[in-house]
Amino acid sequence: METGNKIPRLCLSAVIPIGACKNEALTWKIMVRAFRIRIKNGESIEDIAEDYPALTTDDLEAIKEELEK
């Protein structure tokens, strides 16, 4: 597992399942932030999505929309 500013390659949905968290909005913000950081570090959305198999196509589309804001 890496340290520093990089998000570990541990699937957040394994730690905080989307929909299972009492604060789903916070979970969503964490996911979007993880994507932003990893994109900034040169990864593609498709590569990042492979690390989050629990995300649906609708989830990924919503993340893409959020990243475009």
C-alpha atoms as a PDB file:
ATOM      1  CA  MET A   1       0.000   0.000   0.000  1.00  0.00           C
ATOM      2  CA  GLU A   2       1.358   3.413  -0.944  1.00  0.00           C
ATOM      3  CA  THR A   3       1.568   6.358   1.391  1.00  0.00           C
ATOM      4  CA  GLY A   4       1.598  10.105   0.862  1.00  0.00           C
ATOM      5  CA  ASN A   5      -0.928  11.952  -1.280  1.00  0.00           C
ATOM      6  CA  LYS A   6      -1.890   8.919  -3.316  1.00  0.00           C
ATOM      7  CA  ILE A   7      -5.033   6.981  -2.491  1.00  0.00           C
ATOM      8  CA  PRO A   8      -4.156   3.370  -1.670  1.00  0.00           C
ATOM      9  CA  ARG A   9      -5.290   0.882  -4.264  1.00  0.00           C
ATOM     10  CA  LEU A  10      -7.661  -0.565  -1.703  1.00  0.00           C
ATOM     11  CA  CYS A  11     -11.218  -0.513  -2.995  1.00  0.00           C
ATOM     12  CA  LEU A  12     -13.092   2.082  -0.946  1.00  0.00           C
ATOM     13  CA  SER A  13     -16.333   0.247  -1.612  1.00  0.00           C
ATOM     14  CA  ALA A  14     -14.879  -2.665   0.350  1.00  0.00           C
ATOM     15  CA  VAL A  15     -14.338  -0.335   3.282  1.00  0.00           C
ATOM     16  CA  ILE A  16     -17.371   1.953   2.866  1.00  0.00           C
ATOM     17  CA  PRO A  17     -19.934   0.262   0.608  1.00  0.00           C
ATOM     18  CA  ILE A  18     -21.962   2.762  -1.379  1.00  0.00           C
ATOM     19  CA  GLY A  19     -25.529   2.662  -0.119  1.00  0.00           C
ATOM     20  CA  ALA A  20     -24.558   0.936   3.113  1.00  0.00           C
ATOM     21  CA  CYS A  21     -23.044   3.958   4.789  1.00  0.00           C
ATOM     22  CA  LYS A  22     -25.225   6.019   7.089  1.00  0.00           C
ATOM     23  CA  ASN A  23     -23.957   9.128   5.327  1.00  0.00           C
ATOM     24  CA  GLU A  24     -24.200   8.235   1.651  1.00  0.00           C
ATOM     25  CA  ALA A  25     -23.379  11.814   0.586  1.00  0.00           C
ATOM     26  CA  LEU A  26     -20.056  11.596   2.404  1.00  0.00           C
ATOM     27  CA  THR A  27     -19.296   8.236   0.808  1.00  0.00           C
ATOM     28  CA  TRP A  28     -20.028   9.737  -2.597  1.00  0.00           C
ATOM     29  CA  LYS A  29     -17.707  12.707  -1.939  1.00  0.00           C
ATOM     30  CA  ILE A  30     -14.926  10.313  -0.945  1.00  0.00           C
ATOM     31  CA  MET A  31     -15.339   8.333  -4.172  1.00  0.00           C
ATOM     32  CA  VAL A  32     -15.326  11.450  -6.366  1.00  0.00           C
ATOM     33  CA  ARG A  33     -12.286  12.788  -4.525  1.00  0.00           C
ATOM     34  CA  ALA A  34     -10.458   9.473  -4.994  1.00  0.00           C
ATOM     35  CA  PHE A  35     -11.153   9.630  -8.733  1.00  0.00           C
ATOM     36  CA  ARG A  36      -9.978  13.280  -8.918  1.00  0.00           C
ATOM     37  CA  ILE A  37      -6.710  12.516  -7.137  1.00  0.00           C
ATOM     38  CA  ARG A  38      -5.964   9.484  -9.250  1.00  0.00           C
ATOM     39  CA  ILE A  39      -6.804  11.305 -12.502  1.00  0.00           C
ATOM     40  CA  LYS A  40      -4.483  14.120 -11.401  1.00  0.00           C
ATOM     41  CA  ASN A  41      -1.805  11.441 -10.950  1.00  0.00           C
ATOM     42  CA  GLY A  42      -2.229  10.375 -14.581  1.00  0.00           C
ATOM     43  CA  GLU A  43      -4.670   7.461 -14.386  1.00  0.00           C
ATOM     44  CA  SER A  44      -7.658   7.108 -16.693  1.00  0.00           C
ATOM     45  CA  ILE A  45     -11.226   6.835 -15.444  1.00  0.00           C
ATOM     46  CA  GLU A  46     -11.455   3.353 -16.952  1.00  0.00           C
ATOM     47  CA  ASP A  47      -8.355   2.148 -15.090  1.00  0.00           C
ATOM     48  CA  ILE A  48      -9.611   3.593 -11.822  1.00  0.00           C
ATOM     49  CA  ALA A  49     -13.054   2.041 -12.310  1.00  0.00           C
ATOM     50  CA  GLU A  50     -11.451  -1.412 -12.551  1.00  0.00           C
ATOM     51  CA  ASP A  51     -10.404  -1.006  -8.896  1.00  0.00           C
ATOM     52  CA  TYR A  52     -14.025  -0.393  -7.870  1.00  0.00           C
ATOM     53  CA  PRO A  53     -16.000  -3.380  -9.209  1.00  0.00           C
ATOM     54  CA  ALA A  54     -19.017  -2.572  -7.014  1.00  0.00           C
ATOM     55  CA  LEU A  55     -19.674   0.639  -8.970  1.00  0.00           C
ATOM     56  CA  THR A  56     -22.441   0.377 -11.534  1.00  0.00           C
ATOM     57  CA  THR A  57     -22.464   1.985 -14.960  1.00  0.00           C
ATOM     58  CA  ASP A  58     -24.836   4.606 -13.559  1.00  0.00           C
ATOM     59  CA  ASP A  59     -22.407   5.284 -10.686  1.00  0.00           C
ATOM     60  CA  LEU A  60     -19.538   5.778 -13.128  1.00  0.00           C
ATOM     61  CA  GLU A  61     -21.601   8.109 -15.301  1.00  0.00           C
ATOM     62  CA  ALA A  62     -22.517  10.159 -12.221  1.00  0.00           C
ATOM     63  CA  ILE A  63     -18.852  10.330 -11.202  1.00  0.00           C
ATOM     64  CA  LYS A  64     -17.897  11.499 -14.706  1.00  0.00           C
ATOM     65  CA  GLU A  65     -20.566  14.209 -14.527  1.00  0.00           C
ATOM     66  CA  GLU A  66     -19.302  15.323 -11.133  1.00  0.00           C
ATOM     67  CA  LEU A  67     -15.726  15.465 -12.401  1.00  0.00           C
ATOM     68  CA  GLU A  68     -16.776  17.712 -15.289  1.00  0.00           C
ATOM     69  CA  LYS A  69     -18.111  20.367 -12.888  1.00  0.00           C
END
